[in-house]
Amino acid sequence: MKKNLIAKILIFSLFLNISLPAFAADTTPKPYDNDELPQTMKDIRRFEIITLGALPFVTLDTTLAYSTWRYVQHDFDSAYQPDIFAASSFSQEEQKNLILTSLGVCIGIGLTDLIVQIIRRSHKKRTTQINYDDISIIPISEDEDAQIIPLPSADDETEVQEIEE
């Protein structure tokens, strides 16, 4: 009896879970319009994403570079051999310096990207944009304002050559 009741509840629950999304409203977010956010906010968000996205990679590179430098400084002693899979052998001060160096490099990467984007945007605004959709070709026979310019004759060309000589 209990198993039968549990089975019915599970089947009813499964049926509800499958059928109810068909009646739900669409919750897909609408993409941002171009004018919805100011360009400054977009730039700050891009700076944040690039800076924080670079942090793990820059930290790994900084740690490997510092480990190698420390290994060379201690005359290639095996106790200081760089190993990314070993437990940290850095002092608390070294760890703090590694993190601060990584943050500084990441902020530099983010600022560099920000400056490049601002320069690109200002250069794009300065150059004139041609809208090729506005260009149309009209045959000369259909254009009322068109004028036919006669081609120079062979006699005119010989005169021009004689003048140049």
N, C-alpha and C. Protein backbone atom coordinates (compact mmCIF):
# COMPACT_ATOMS: atom_id res chain seq x y z
N MET A 1 0.82 -1.20 0.00
CA MET A 1 0.00 0.00 0.00
C MET A 1 0.87 1.27 0.00
N LYS A 2 1.91 1.29 0.88
CA LYS A 2 2.80 2.44 0.96
C LYS A 2 3.56 2.62 -0.35
N LYS A 3 4.04 1.51 -0.91
CA LYS A 3 4.82 1.57 -2.15
C LYS A 3 3.95 2.08 -3.30
N ASN A 4 2.70 1.67 -3.30
CA ASN A 4 1.78 2.09 -4.34
C ASN A 4 1.52 3.60 -4.24
N LEU A 5 1.36 4.10 -3.02
CA LEU A 5 1.13 5.52 -2.80
C LEU A 5 2.37 6.33 -3.20
N ILE A 6 3.54 5.86 -2.81
CA ILE A 6 4.80 6.55 -3.17
C ILE A 6 4.98 6.57 -4.68
N ALA A 7 4.67 5.45 -5.35
CA ALA A 7 4.79 5.38 -6.80
C ALA A 7 3.85 6.38 -7.46
N LYS A 8 2.60 6.48 -6.95
CA LYS A 8 1.64 7.42 -7.52
C LYS A 8 2.12 8.87 -7.33
N ILE A 9 2.65 9.18 -6.15
CA ILE A 9 3.15 10.53 -5.88
C ILE A 9 4.32 10.86 -6.80
N LEU A 10 5.24 9.91 -6.98
CA LEU A 10 6.38 10.12 -7.86
C LEU A 10 5.94 10.33 -9.31
N ILE A 11 4.99 9.53 -9.77
CA ILE A 11 4.50 9.67 -11.13
C ILE A 11 3.79 11.02 -11.31
N PHE A 12 2.96 11.39 -10.32
CA PHE A 12 2.27 12.68 -10.37
C PHE A 12 3.27 13.83 -10.36
N SER A 13 4.28 13.74 -9.51
CA SER A 13 5.32 14.76 -9.42
C SER A 13 6.10 14.87 -10.74
N LEU A 14 6.44 13.72 -11.32
CA LEU A 14 7.15 13.70 -12.59
C LEU A 14 6.30 14.34 -13.68
N PHE A 15 5.00 14.01 -13.71
CA PHE A 15 4.10 14.58 -14.69
C PHE A 15 4.03 16.11 -14.56
N LEU A 16 3.92 16.60 -13.31
CA LEU A 16 3.88 18.05 -13.08
C LEU A 16 5.18 18.72 -13.51
N ASN A 17 6.29 18.12 -13.17
CA ASN A 17 7.59 18.71 -13.51
C ASN A 17 7.81 18.76 -15.02
N ILE A 18 7.25 17.82 -15.73
CA ILE A 18 7.41 17.80 -17.18
C ILE A 18 6.43 18.75 -17.85
N SER A 19 5.21 18.82 -17.37
CA SER A 19 4.17 19.59 -18.06
C SER A 19 4.14 21.07 -17.68
N LEU A 20 4.49 21.44 -16.47
CA LEU A 20 4.38 22.84 -16.05
C LEU A 20 5.29 23.79 -16.82
N PRO A 21 6.51 23.42 -17.17
CA PRO A 21 7.33 24.37 -17.95
C PRO A 21 6.70 24.75 -19.28
N ALA A 22 5.81 23.93 -19.82
CA ALA A 22 5.14 24.28 -21.08
C ALA A 22 4.22 25.47 -20.91
N PHE A 23 3.72 25.70 -19.69
CA PHE A 23 2.81 26.81 -19.43
C PHE A 23 3.51 28.00 -18.79
N ALA A 24 4.79 27.89 -18.55
CA ALA A 24 5.53 28.97 -17.89
C ALA A 24 5.82 30.09 -18.90
N ALA A 25 5.96 31.29 -18.37
CA ALA A 25 6.31 32.43 -19.22
C ALA A 25 7.79 32.34 -19.61
N ASP A 26 8.10 32.92 -20.75
CA ASP A 26 9.49 32.91 -21.22
C ASP A 26 10.31 33.83 -20.32
N THR A 27 11.37 33.29 -19.71
CA THR A 27 12.20 34.07 -18.81
C THR A 27 13.56 34.37 -19.41
N THR A 28 13.69 34.21 -20.72
CA THR A 28 14.95 34.51 -21.38
C THR A 28 15.21 36.01 -21.29
N PRO A 29 16.36 36.39 -20.76
CA PRO A 29 16.62 37.83 -20.63
C PRO A 29 16.80 38.49 -21.99
N LYS A 30 16.32 39.71 -22.09
CA LYS A 30 16.44 40.47 -23.33
C LYS A 30 17.87 41.04 -23.39
N PRO A 31 18.53 40.95 -24.53
CA PRO A 31 19.88 41.52 -24.62
C PRO A 31 19.83 43.03 -24.41
N TYR A 32 20.95 43.56 -23.91
CA TYR A 32 21.03 45.00 -23.69
C TYR A 32 20.94 45.74 -25.01
N ASP A 33 20.25 46.88 -24.99
CA ASP A 33 20.25 47.77 -26.14
C ASP A 33 21.56 48.54 -26.14
N ASN A 34 21.91 49.10 -27.28
CA ASN A 34 23.16 49.86 -27.37
C ASN A 34 23.14 51.10 -26.49
N ASP A 35 21.98 51.69 -26.30
CA ASP A 35 21.87 52.92 -25.52
C ASP A 35 21.49 52.67 -24.06
N GLU A 36 21.33 51.42 -23.68
CA GLU A 36 20.85 51.12 -22.33
C GLU A 36 21.90 51.41 -21.25
N LEU A 37 23.16 51.11 -21.54
CA LEU A 37 24.23 51.38 -20.59
C LEU A 37 25.19 52.41 -21.18
N PRO A 38 25.67 53.33 -20.36
CA PRO A 38 26.66 54.28 -20.89
C PRO A 38 27.97 53.56 -21.21
N GLN A 39 28.71 54.11 -22.15
CA GLN A 39 29.96 53.49 -22.59
C GLN A 39 30.95 53.34 -21.44
N THR A 40 30.94 54.27 -20.49
CA THR A 40 31.84 54.19 -19.35
C THR A 40 31.60 52.92 -18.54
N MET A 41 30.33 52.58 -18.34
CA MET A 41 30.00 51.37 -17.59
C MET A 41 30.45 50.12 -18.34
N LYS A 42 30.29 50.13 -19.66
CA LYS A 42 30.75 49.00 -20.46
C LYS A 42 32.27 48.86 -20.39
N ASP A 43 32.97 50.00 -20.41
CA ASP A 43 34.43 49.97 -20.31
C ASP A 43 34.89 49.46 -18.96
N ILE A 44 34.21 49.90 -17.90
CA ILE A 44 34.58 49.44 -16.54
C ILE A 44 34.34 47.93 -16.41
N ARG A 45 33.23 47.47 -16.95
CA ARG A 45 32.92 46.03 -16.88
C ARG A 45 33.96 45.22 -17.67
N ARG A 46 34.34 45.69 -18.85
CA ARG A 46 35.36 44.99 -19.64
C ARG A 46 36.70 44.98 -18.90
N PHE A 47 37.06 46.12 -18.29
CA PHE A 47 38.30 46.20 -17.50
C PHE A 47 38.27 45.17 -16.37
N GLU A 48 37.14 45.09 -15.68
CA GLU A 48 36.99 44.15 -14.57
C GLU A 48 37.13 42.70 -15.04
N ILE A 49 36.46 42.36 -16.13
CA ILE A 49 36.50 40.99 -16.64
C ILE A 49 37.92 40.61 -17.06
N ILE A 50 38.58 41.50 -17.78
CA ILE A 50 39.94 41.19 -18.25
C ILE A 50 40.91 41.11 -17.09
N THR A 51 40.80 42.03 -16.14
CA THR A 51 41.72 42.03 -15.00
C THR A 51 41.54 40.77 -14.15
N LEU A 52 40.32 40.45 -13.79
CA LEU A 52 40.09 39.27 -12.95
C LEU A 52 40.28 37.97 -13.73
N GLY A 53 40.01 37.99 -15.03
CA GLY A 53 40.21 36.80 -15.84
C GLY A 53 41.68 36.46 -16.02
N ALA A 54 42.52 37.47 -16.02
CA ALA A 54 43.96 37.24 -16.19
C ALA A 54 44.63 36.81 -14.88
N LEU A 55 43.99 37.05 -13.75
CA LEU A 55 44.62 36.81 -12.45
C LEU A 55 45.16 35.40 -12.24
N PRO A 56 44.42 34.33 -12.52
CA PRO A 56 44.99 33.00 -12.28
C PRO A 56 46.21 32.71 -13.15
N PHE A 57 46.17 33.13 -14.40
CA PHE A 57 47.29 32.86 -15.30
C PHE A 57 48.51 33.69 -14.93
N VAL A 58 48.29 34.95 -14.60
CA VAL A 58 49.40 35.82 -14.21
C VAL A 58 50.00 35.35 -12.89
N THR A 59 49.16 34.91 -11.96
CA THR A 59 49.67 34.41 -10.68
C THR A 59 50.53 33.17 -10.90
N LEU A 60 50.09 32.28 -11.76
CA LEU A 60 50.89 31.09 -12.08
C LEU A 60 52.23 31.49 -12.70
N ASP A 61 52.19 32.40 -13.66
CA ASP A 61 53.43 32.84 -14.30
C ASP A 61 54.35 33.56 -13.32
N THR A 62 53.79 34.41 -12.48
CA THR A 62 54.59 35.13 -11.49
C THR A 62 55.24 34.16 -10.51
N THR A 63 54.49 33.16 -10.07
CA THR A 63 55.03 32.17 -9.13
C THR A 63 56.14 31.36 -9.79
N LEU A 64 55.94 30.96 -11.03
CA LEU A 64 56.99 30.19 -11.73
C LEU A 64 58.23 31.05 -11.96
N ALA A 65 58.04 32.31 -12.34
CA ALA A 65 59.19 33.20 -12.56
C ALA A 65 59.95 33.43 -11.25
N TYR A 66 59.22 33.67 -10.17
CA TYR A 66 59.88 33.90 -8.88
C TYR A 66 60.58 32.62 -8.40
N SER A 67 59.94 31.47 -8.58
CA SER A 67 60.56 30.21 -8.17
C SER A 67 61.85 29.96 -8.93
N THR A 68 61.82 30.24 -10.23
CA THR A 68 63.02 30.05 -11.04
C THR A 68 64.11 31.02 -10.62
N TRP A 69 63.74 32.27 -10.39
CA TRP A 69 64.73 33.26 -9.95
C TRP A 69 65.34 32.86 -8.60
N ARG A 70 64.52 32.38 -7.69
CA ARG A 70 65.00 31.94 -6.37
C ARG A 70 65.90 30.70 -6.51
N TYR A 71 65.56 29.82 -7.42
CA TYR A 71 66.35 28.61 -7.68
C TYR A 71 67.73 29.00 -8.21
N VAL A 72 67.79 29.94 -9.13
CA VAL A 72 69.07 30.40 -9.68
C VAL A 72 69.86 31.15 -8.62
N GLN A 73 69.19 31.96 -7.81
CA GLN A 73 69.85 32.75 -6.77
C GLN A 73 70.52 31.86 -5.72
N HIS A 74 69.96 30.68 -5.46
CA HIS A 74 70.53 29.75 -4.48
C HIS A 74 71.40 28.69 -5.15
N ASP A 75 72.03 29.04 -6.27
CA ASP A 75 72.99 28.17 -6.97
C ASP A 75 72.40 26.81 -7.32
N PHE A 76 71.19 26.79 -7.80
CA PHE A 76 70.52 25.58 -8.29
C PHE A 76 70.42 24.49 -7.22
N ASP A 77 70.19 24.91 -5.99
CA ASP A 77 70.01 23.97 -4.88
C ASP A 77 68.67 23.25 -5.08
N SER A 78 68.66 21.93 -4.95
CA SER A 78 67.44 21.15 -5.20
C SER A 78 66.31 21.49 -4.22
N ALA A 79 66.65 22.07 -3.09
CA ALA A 79 65.61 22.47 -2.13
C ALA A 79 64.76 23.62 -2.68
N TYR A 80 65.32 24.38 -3.61
CA TYR A 80 64.62 25.54 -4.18
C TYR A 80 64.15 25.29 -5.61
N GLN A 81 64.17 24.05 -6.06
CA GLN A 81 63.77 23.72 -7.42
C GLN A 81 62.29 24.04 -7.63
N PRO A 82 61.95 24.75 -8.73
CA PRO A 82 60.54 25.09 -8.97
C PRO A 82 59.70 23.84 -9.26
N ASP A 83 58.58 23.74 -8.58
CA ASP A 83 57.66 22.63 -8.80
C ASP A 83 56.25 23.13 -8.51
N ILE A 84 55.43 23.21 -9.55
CA ILE A 84 54.09 23.76 -9.36
C ILE A 84 53.16 22.79 -8.65
N PHE A 85 53.54 21.52 -8.57
CA PHE A 85 52.68 20.53 -7.92
C PHE A 85 53.05 20.30 -6.46
N ALA A 86 54.17 20.85 -6.01
CA ALA A 86 54.60 20.67 -4.63
C ALA A 86 53.88 21.65 -3.71
N ALA A 87 53.90 21.35 -2.43
CA ALA A 87 53.32 22.27 -1.44
C ALA A 87 54.15 23.56 -1.44
N SER A 88 53.50 24.65 -1.11
CA SER A 88 54.17 25.95 -1.15
C SER A 88 55.31 26.01 -0.14
N SER A 89 56.45 26.44 -0.62
CA SER A 89 57.60 26.60 0.26
C SER A 89 57.94 28.08 0.43
N PHE A 90 56.98 28.94 0.13
CA PHE A 90 57.19 30.37 0.24
C PHE A 90 56.82 30.85 1.64
N SER A 91 57.54 31.85 2.10
CA SER A 91 57.18 32.46 3.38
C SER A 91 55.92 33.31 3.18
N GLN A 92 55.36 33.75 4.28
CA GLN A 92 54.14 34.55 4.19
C GLN A 92 54.43 35.87 3.47
N GLU A 93 55.57 36.44 3.69
CA GLU A 93 55.95 37.69 3.03
C GLU A 93 56.11 37.47 1.52
N GLU A 94 56.72 36.35 1.13
CA GLU A 94 56.87 36.03 -0.30
C GLU A 94 55.51 35.82 -0.96
N GLN A 95 54.62 35.14 -0.27
CA GLN A 95 53.28 34.91 -0.82
C GLN A 95 52.54 36.23 -1.03
N LYS A 96 52.66 37.13 -0.04
CA LYS A 96 52.02 38.44 -0.15
C LYS A 96 52.59 39.21 -1.34
N ASN A 97 53.91 39.18 -1.49
CA ASN A 97 54.54 39.88 -2.61
C ASN A 97 54.14 39.29 -3.96
N LEU A 98 54.02 37.96 -4.02
CA LEU A 98 53.60 37.31 -5.26
C LEU A 98 52.18 37.73 -5.65
N ILE A 99 51.28 37.76 -4.68
CA ILE A 99 49.89 38.15 -4.95
C ILE A 99 49.82 39.62 -5.36
N LEU A 100 50.55 40.49 -4.66
CA LEU A 100 50.53 41.91 -5.01
C LEU A 100 51.14 42.16 -6.38
N THR A 101 52.19 41.43 -6.71
CA THR A 101 52.80 41.56 -8.04
C THR A 101 51.82 41.10 -9.10
N SER A 102 51.16 39.98 -8.86
CA SER A 102 50.18 39.46 -9.82
C SER A 102 49.04 40.46 -10.01
N LEU A 103 48.54 41.03 -8.92
CA LEU A 103 47.48 42.03 -9.03
C LEU A 103 47.93 43.24 -9.83
N GLY A 104 49.16 43.69 -9.58
CA GLY A 104 49.69 44.84 -10.32
C GLY A 104 49.78 44.56 -11.82
N VAL A 105 50.27 43.37 -12.16
CA VAL A 105 50.38 43.00 -13.57
C VAL A 105 48.99 42.90 -14.20
N CYS A 106 48.04 42.31 -13.48
CA CYS A 106 46.67 42.17 -14.01
C CYS A 106 46.02 43.53 -14.22
N ILE A 107 46.22 44.44 -13.30
CA ILE A 107 45.67 45.79 -13.46
C ILE A 107 46.33 46.47 -14.66
N GLY A 108 47.63 46.24 -14.84
CA GLY A 108 48.31 46.77 -16.02
C GLY A 108 47.74 46.21 -17.31
N ILE A 109 47.43 44.92 -17.33
CA ILE A 109 46.81 44.30 -18.52
C ILE A 109 45.44 44.91 -18.78
N GLY A 110 44.64 45.06 -17.72
CA GLY A 110 43.31 45.64 -17.87
C GLY A 110 43.37 47.09 -18.36
N LEU A 111 44.30 47.89 -17.80
CA LEU A 111 44.43 49.28 -18.22
C LEU A 111 44.92 49.37 -19.67
N THR A 112 45.84 48.49 -20.04
CA THR A 112 46.32 48.48 -21.42
C THR A 112 45.16 48.21 -22.38
N ASP A 113 44.34 47.22 -22.06
CA ASP A 113 43.19 46.93 -22.91
C ASP A 113 42.23 48.11 -22.95
N LEU A 114 42.00 48.74 -21.82
CA LEU A 114 41.10 49.89 -21.77
C LEU A 114 41.62 51.02 -22.65
N ILE A 115 42.90 51.31 -22.58
CA ILE A 115 43.48 52.38 -23.38
C ILE A 115 43.39 52.05 -24.87
N VAL A 116 43.68 50.79 -25.22
CA VAL A 116 43.59 50.38 -26.63
C VAL A 116 42.16 50.54 -27.13
N GLN A 117 41.18 50.14 -26.33
CA GLN A 117 39.77 50.26 -26.75
C GLN A 117 39.36 51.72 -26.92
N ILE A 118 39.80 52.59 -26.01
CA ILE A 118 39.45 54.01 -26.12
C ILE A 118 40.08 54.61 -27.36
N ILE A 119 41.34 54.27 -27.65
CA ILE A 119 42.00 54.79 -28.85
C ILE A 119 41.31 54.28 -30.11
N ARG A 120 40.97 52.99 -30.13
CA ARG A 120 40.26 52.43 -31.29
C ARG A 120 38.93 53.14 -31.52
N ARG A 121 38.19 53.37 -30.44
CA ARG A 121 36.88 54.00 -30.55
C ARG A 121 37.01 55.43 -31.06
N SER A 122 38.01 56.18 -30.55
CA SER A 122 38.18 57.56 -31.00
C SER A 122 38.66 57.60 -32.45
N HIS A 123 39.49 56.64 -32.84
CA HIS A 123 39.95 56.58 -34.24
C HIS A 123 38.78 56.23 -35.17
N LYS A 124 37.93 55.35 -34.71
CA LYS A 124 36.77 54.95 -35.51
C LYS A 124 35.81 56.11 -35.70
N LYS A 125 35.66 56.95 -34.67
CA LYS A 125 34.78 58.11 -34.78
C LYS A 125 35.35 59.15 -35.75
N ARG A 126 36.69 59.28 -35.77
CA ARG A 126 37.32 60.28 -36.63
C ARG A 126 37.26 59.90 -38.11
N THR A 127 37.32 58.63 -38.42
CA THR A 127 37.29 58.23 -39.82
C THR A 127 35.85 58.28 -40.32
N THR A 128 35.70 58.69 -41.55
CA THR A 128 34.36 58.78 -42.12
C THR A 128 33.88 57.38 -42.50
N GLN A 129 32.66 57.14 -42.21
CA GLN A 129 32.06 55.86 -42.52
C GLN A 129 31.25 55.97 -43.81
N ILE A 130 31.50 55.07 -44.73
CA ILE A 130 30.75 55.03 -45.98
C ILE A 130 29.67 53.98 -45.84
N ASN A 131 28.46 54.39 -46.08
CA ASN A 131 27.35 53.46 -46.04
C ASN A 131 27.08 53.00 -47.47
N TYR A 132 27.51 51.80 -47.78
CA TYR A 132 27.39 51.30 -49.15
C TYR A 132 25.94 50.98 -49.53
N ASP A 133 25.04 50.97 -48.58
CA ASP A 133 23.64 50.75 -48.90
C ASP A 133 23.03 51.97 -49.61
N ASP A 134 23.63 53.14 -49.39
CA ASP A 134 23.12 54.37 -50.00
C ASP A 134 23.61 54.56 -51.43
N ILE A 135 24.56 53.78 -51.87
CA ILE A 135 25.13 53.93 -53.21
C ILE A 135 24.32 53.10 -54.19
N SER A 136 23.91 53.75 -55.26
CA SER A 136 23.18 53.02 -56.31
C SER A 136 23.75 53.43 -57.66
N ILE A 137 23.77 52.51 -58.58
CA ILE A 137 24.31 52.75 -59.91
C ILE A 137 23.14 52.89 -60.87
N ILE A 138 23.11 54.02 -61.56
CA ILE A 138 22.05 54.30 -62.52
C ILE A 138 22.69 54.30 -63.91
N PRO A 139 22.12 53.56 -64.83
CA PRO A 139 22.65 53.60 -66.21
C PRO A 139 22.56 55.01 -66.78
N ILE A 140 23.52 55.38 -67.58
CA ILE A 140 23.59 56.74 -68.11
C ILE A 140 22.38 57.07 -68.98
N SER A 141 21.79 56.06 -69.60
CA SER A 141 20.62 56.30 -70.46
C SER A 141 19.40 56.68 -69.63
N GLU A 142 19.36 56.31 -68.36
CA GLU A 142 18.21 56.61 -67.50
C GLU A 142 18.40 57.88 -66.68
N ASP A 143 19.61 58.41 -66.64
CA ASP A 143 19.90 59.59 -65.82
C ASP A 143 19.65 60.85 -66.63
N GLU A 144 18.73 61.69 -66.16
CA GLU A 144 18.38 62.91 -66.88
C GLU A 144 19.49 63.96 -66.82
N ASP A 145 20.26 63.98 -65.75
CA ASP A 145 21.29 64.99 -65.58
C ASP A 145 22.64 64.59 -66.20
N ALA A 146 22.74 63.39 -66.73
CA ALA A 146 24.01 62.92 -67.26
C ALA A 146 24.35 63.66 -68.55
N GLN A 147 25.64 63.92 -68.72
CA GLN A 147 26.12 64.56 -69.94
C GLN A 147 27.16 63.65 -70.56
N ILE A 148 27.10 63.52 -71.85
CA ILE A 148 28.06 62.69 -72.56
C ILE A 148 29.25 63.55 -72.91
N ILE A 149 30.42 63.11 -72.49
CA ILE A 149 31.66 63.83 -72.78
C ILE A 149 32.34 63.09 -73.92
N PRO A 150 32.57 63.74 -75.01
CA PRO A 150 33.18 63.04 -76.15
C PRO A 150 34.62 62.65 -75.85
N LEU A 151 35.01 61.50 -76.32
CA LEU A 151 36.37 61.02 -76.15
C LEU A 151 37.29 61.80 -77.08
N PRO A 152 38.53 62.00 -76.68
CA PRO A 152 39.44 62.73 -77.58
C PRO A 152 39.72 61.88 -78.83
N SER A 153 39.81 62.55 -79.93
CA SER A 153 40.09 61.83 -81.18
C SER A 153 41.58 61.56 -81.30
N ALA A 154 41.95 60.77 -82.29
CA ALA A 154 43.36 60.42 -82.50
C ALA A 154 44.16 61.66 -82.86
N ASP A 155 43.57 62.62 -83.56
CA ASP A 155 44.28 63.84 -83.93
C ASP A 155 44.62 64.67 -82.70
N ASP A 156 43.69 64.69 -81.70
CA ASP A 156 43.94 65.44 -80.47
C ASP A 156 45.10 64.84 -79.69
N GLU A 157 45.23 63.54 -79.70
CA GLU A 157 46.31 62.87 -78.96
C GLU A 157 47.67 63.20 -79.57
N THR A 158 47.75 63.25 -80.91
CA THR A 158 49.04 63.57 -81.55
C THR A 158 49.41 65.01 -81.27
N GLU A 159 48.42 65.91 -81.21
CA GLU A 159 48.70 67.29 -80.87
C GLU A 159 49.25 67.41 -79.47
N VAL A 160 48.67 66.64 -78.52
CA VAL A 160 49.13 66.68 -77.13
C VAL A 160 50.57 66.16 -77.05
N GLN A 161 50.88 65.11 -77.81
CA GLN A 161 52.24 64.56 -77.79
C GLN A 161 53.23 65.54 -78.38
N GLU A 162 52.87 66.25 -79.42
CA GLU A 162 53.75 67.24 -80.02
C GLU A 162 54.02 68.39 -79.06
N ILE A 163 53.01 68.80 -78.29
CA ILE A 163 53.17 69.90 -77.33
C ILE A 163 54.10 69.47 -76.21
N GLU A 164 53.97 68.25 -75.75
CA GLU A 164 54.81 67.75 -74.66
C GLU A 164 56.27 67.66 -75.09
N GLU A 165 56.52 67.33 -76.37
CA GLU A 165 57.91 67.18 -76.85
C GLU A 165 58.51 68.53 -77.02
